[in-house]
């Protein structure tokens, strides 16, 4: 199943949930405020094209990440190499 992200508030929330992120964590990942993500999800404002593209990129990165671990990033963090 492929999750499509449009400017519909339900799409933004579904993408965030699929990523396993809180509104605050998604805001941090996108470099925006928690309040802005909240307004997107409540339909009070619409995300910019750039923000939608960033959410799509996060979803794509998650899709490509191996299951069962965080891969090389985790090894680097543990070993410092």
N, C-alpha and C. Protein backbone atom coordinates (compact mmCIF):
# COMPACT_ATOMS: atom_id res chain seq x y z
N UNK A 1 0.84 -1.19 0.00
CA UNK A 1 0.00 0.00 0.00
C UNK A 1 0.88 1.24 0.00
N UNK A 2 0.58 2.15 -0.85
CA UNK A 2 1.35 3.39 -0.93
C UNK A 2 0.50 4.53 -0.38
N UNK A 3 1.08 5.28 0.51
CA UNK A 3 0.38 6.39 1.12
C UNK A 3 0.62 7.64 0.29
N UNK A 4 -0.46 8.23 -0.19
CA UNK A 4 -0.36 9.46 -0.97
C UNK A 4 -0.55 10.64 -0.04
N UNK A 5 0.25 11.67 -0.24
CA UNK A 5 0.16 12.86 0.60
C UNK A 5 -0.27 14.02 -0.26
N UNK A 6 -1.39 14.59 0.09
CA UNK A 6 -1.90 15.77 -0.58
C UNK A 6 -2.07 16.83 0.50
N UNK A 7 -2.72 17.93 0.17
CA UNK A 7 -2.88 18.95 1.19
C UNK A 7 -4.13 18.74 2.05
N UNK A 8 -4.76 17.58 1.92
CA UNK A 8 -5.90 17.23 2.75
C UNK A 8 -5.40 16.98 4.17
N UNK A 9 -6.04 17.56 5.18
CA UNK A 9 -5.60 17.36 6.56
C UNK A 9 -5.50 15.89 6.96
N UNK A 10 -6.40 15.07 6.44
CA UNK A 10 -6.35 13.63 6.76
C UNK A 10 -5.07 12.99 6.22
N UNK A 11 -4.60 13.47 5.06
CA UNK A 11 -3.38 12.93 4.47
C UNK A 11 -2.15 13.26 5.33
N UNK A 12 -2.10 14.48 5.83
CA UNK A 12 -0.96 14.88 6.66
C UNK A 12 -0.94 14.05 7.94
N UNK A 13 -2.09 13.89 8.55
CA UNK A 13 -2.15 13.10 9.78
C UNK A 13 -1.80 11.64 9.49
N UNK A 14 -2.34 11.08 8.41
CA UNK A 14 -2.05 9.69 8.06
C UNK A 14 -0.56 9.49 7.81
N UNK A 15 0.07 10.44 7.15
CA UNK A 15 1.50 10.35 6.89
C UNK A 15 2.28 10.39 8.20
N UNK A 16 1.89 11.29 9.08
CA UNK A 16 2.58 11.42 10.37
C UNK A 16 2.45 10.13 11.18
N UNK A 17 1.25 9.58 11.21
CA UNK A 17 1.02 8.34 11.94
C UNK A 17 1.82 7.19 11.31
N UNK A 18 1.85 7.14 9.98
CA UNK A 18 2.62 6.10 9.28
C UNK A 18 4.11 6.21 9.62
N UNK A 19 4.58 7.42 9.84
CA UNK A 19 5.97 7.63 10.21
C UNK A 19 6.23 7.34 11.68
N UNK A 20 5.15 7.20 12.45
CA UNK A 20 5.29 6.93 13.88
C UNK A 20 5.74 8.14 14.66
N UNK A 21 5.34 9.33 14.19
CA UNK A 21 5.79 10.58 14.82
C UNK A 21 4.64 11.32 15.47
N UNK A 22 4.96 12.03 16.53
CA UNK A 22 4.00 12.96 17.13
C UNK A 22 3.98 14.21 16.26
N UNK A 23 3.02 15.08 16.50
CA UNK A 23 3.00 16.34 15.78
C UNK A 23 4.27 17.12 16.06
N UNK A 24 4.72 17.09 17.30
CA UNK A 24 5.93 17.81 17.68
C UNK A 24 7.16 17.25 16.96
N UNK A 25 7.26 15.93 16.88
CA UNK A 25 8.41 15.30 16.22
C UNK A 25 8.40 15.58 14.71
N UNK A 26 7.22 15.54 14.09
CA UNK A 26 7.14 15.87 12.67
C UNK A 26 7.53 17.32 12.44
N UNK A 27 7.04 18.20 13.30
CA UNK A 27 7.39 19.62 13.18
C UNK A 27 8.91 19.80 13.25
N UNK A 28 9.54 19.12 14.19
CA UNK A 28 11.00 19.21 14.34
C UNK A 28 11.70 18.70 13.08
N UNK A 29 11.24 17.56 12.55
CA UNK A 29 11.85 16.98 11.35
C UNK A 29 11.72 17.90 10.15
N UNK A 30 10.64 18.66 10.09
CA UNK A 30 10.40 19.55 8.96
C UNK A 30 10.93 20.96 9.19
N UNK A 31 11.33 21.26 10.41
CA UNK A 31 11.82 22.60 10.72
C UNK A 31 10.72 23.64 10.80
N UNK A 32 9.55 23.19 11.25
CA UNK A 32 8.41 24.11 11.43
C UNK A 32 7.92 23.98 12.87
N UNK A 33 6.97 24.79 13.24
CA UNK A 33 6.46 24.75 14.61
C UNK A 33 5.41 23.65 14.77
N UNK A 34 5.28 23.20 16.01
CA UNK A 34 4.22 22.25 16.35
C UNK A 34 2.86 22.84 15.98
N UNK A 35 2.68 24.12 16.27
CA UNK A 35 1.39 24.77 16.00
C UNK A 35 1.04 24.72 14.52
N UNK A 36 2.04 24.84 13.66
CA UNK A 36 1.78 24.79 12.22
C UNK A 36 1.32 23.40 11.80
N UNK A 37 1.99 22.36 12.27
CA UNK A 37 1.57 20.99 11.96
C UNK A 37 0.15 20.77 12.48
N UNK A 38 -0.13 21.25 13.66
CA UNK A 38 -1.46 21.12 14.23
C UNK A 38 -2.50 21.81 13.36
N UNK A 39 -2.18 23.01 12.86
CA UNK A 39 -3.12 23.73 11.99
C UNK A 39 -3.34 23.00 10.67
N UNK A 40 -2.27 22.37 10.13
CA UNK A 40 -2.43 21.58 8.91
C UNK A 40 -3.42 20.45 9.15
N UNK A 41 -3.20 19.73 10.25
CA UNK A 41 -4.04 18.56 10.52
C UNK A 41 -5.47 18.93 10.86
N UNK A 42 -5.68 20.12 11.40
CA UNK A 42 -7.04 20.56 11.72
C UNK A 42 -7.70 21.32 10.58
N UNK A 43 -6.99 21.45 9.45
CA UNK A 43 -7.55 22.09 8.27
C UNK A 43 -7.64 23.61 8.35
N UNK A 44 -6.96 24.20 9.31
CA UNK A 44 -7.00 25.66 9.45
C UNK A 44 -6.07 26.35 8.47
N UNK A 45 -4.98 25.68 8.10
CA UNK A 45 -4.08 26.19 7.06
C UNK A 45 -3.65 25.02 6.20
N UNK A 46 -3.10 25.32 5.02
CA UNK A 46 -2.62 24.27 4.14
C UNK A 46 -1.10 24.30 4.11
N UNK A 47 -0.49 23.11 4.08
CA UNK A 47 0.96 23.07 3.97
C UNK A 47 1.43 23.57 2.61
N UNK A 48 2.61 24.14 2.59
CA UNK A 48 3.19 24.59 1.33
C UNK A 48 3.60 23.38 0.49
N UNK A 49 3.87 23.62 -0.77
CA UNK A 49 4.36 22.53 -1.63
C UNK A 49 5.67 21.97 -1.10
N UNK A 50 6.51 22.86 -0.59
CA UNK A 50 7.80 22.43 -0.04
C UNK A 50 7.59 21.52 1.18
N UNK A 51 6.66 21.87 2.04
CA UNK A 51 6.37 21.04 3.22
C UNK A 51 5.81 19.69 2.79
N UNK A 52 4.91 19.69 1.82
CA UNK A 52 4.36 18.41 1.33
C UNK A 52 5.46 17.54 0.74
N UNK A 53 6.37 18.16 0.00
CA UNK A 53 7.48 17.41 -0.59
C UNK A 53 8.36 16.81 0.52
N UNK A 54 8.59 17.57 1.58
CA UNK A 54 9.41 17.09 2.69
C UNK A 54 8.73 15.90 3.39
N UNK A 55 7.42 15.96 3.57
CA UNK A 55 6.70 14.84 4.18
C UNK A 55 6.81 13.61 3.29
N UNK A 56 6.66 13.80 1.99
CA UNK A 56 6.79 12.68 1.05
C UNK A 56 8.19 12.08 1.10
N UNK A 57 9.21 12.93 1.24
CA UNK A 57 10.58 12.43 1.33
C UNK A 57 10.78 11.62 2.61
N UNK A 58 10.21 12.09 3.71
CA UNK A 58 10.31 11.33 4.96
C UNK A 58 9.65 9.96 4.81
N UNK A 59 8.51 9.92 4.15
CA UNK A 59 7.83 8.64 3.92
C UNK A 59 8.67 7.72 3.05
N UNK A 60 9.30 8.27 2.03
CA UNK A 60 10.14 7.47 1.14
C UNK A 60 11.35 6.92 1.89
N UNK A 61 11.97 7.76 2.71
CA UNK A 61 13.11 7.30 3.50
C UNK A 61 12.70 6.18 4.45
N UNK A 62 11.54 6.32 5.05
CA UNK A 62 11.05 5.27 5.96
C UNK A 62 10.81 3.99 5.19
N UNK A 63 10.27 4.10 4.00
CA UNK A 63 9.98 2.92 3.19
C UNK A 63 11.27 2.18 2.82
N UNK A 64 12.33 2.94 2.59
CA UNK A 64 13.60 2.33 2.18
C UNK A 64 14.42 1.80 3.35
N UNK A 65 14.14 2.28 4.57
CA UNK A 65 14.90 1.85 5.74
C UNK A 65 14.62 0.38 6.02
N UNK A 66 15.66 -0.40 6.28
CA UNK A 66 15.44 -1.82 6.57
C UNK A 66 14.61 -2.00 7.82
N UNK A 67 13.78 -3.01 7.81
CA UNK A 67 12.96 -3.34 8.97
C UNK A 67 13.82 -3.99 10.04
N UNK A 68 13.42 -3.82 11.30
CA UNK A 68 14.10 -4.50 12.38
C UNK A 68 15.32 -3.79 12.92
N UNK A 69 15.58 -2.58 12.49
CA UNK A 69 16.73 -1.85 13.00
C UNK A 69 16.93 -0.58 12.24
N UNK A 70 17.81 0.23 12.74
CA UNK A 70 18.04 1.51 12.09
C UNK A 70 19.30 1.48 11.24
N UNK A 71 19.93 0.31 11.08
CA UNK A 71 21.02 0.16 10.13
C UNK A 71 22.29 0.87 10.52
N UNK A 72 22.95 1.44 9.52
CA UNK A 72 24.26 2.04 9.70
C UNK A 72 24.25 3.20 10.68
N UNK A 73 23.20 3.98 10.71
CA UNK A 73 23.15 5.12 11.63
C UNK A 73 23.27 4.64 13.07
N UNK A 74 22.61 3.54 13.40
CA UNK A 74 22.69 2.99 14.74
C UNK A 74 24.09 2.49 15.05
N UNK A 75 24.72 1.79 14.10
CA UNK A 75 26.08 1.30 14.30
C UNK A 75 27.05 2.45 14.53
N UNK A 76 26.90 3.51 13.74
CA UNK A 76 27.77 4.67 13.87
C UNK A 76 27.61 5.33 15.24
N UNK A 77 26.39 5.45 15.68
CA UNK A 77 26.13 6.08 16.96
C UNK A 77 26.74 5.26 18.10
N UNK A 78 26.66 3.92 18.00
CA UNK A 78 27.19 3.07 19.06
C UNK A 78 28.72 3.02 19.06
N UNK A 79 29.33 2.98 17.88
CA UNK A 79 30.78 2.81 17.79
C UNK A 79 31.53 4.12 17.64
N UNK A 80 30.84 5.14 17.18
CA UNK A 80 31.47 6.43 16.96
C UNK A 80 32.28 6.49 15.67
N UNK A 81 32.10 5.50 14.80
CA UNK A 81 32.84 5.48 13.52
C UNK A 81 31.92 5.69 12.35
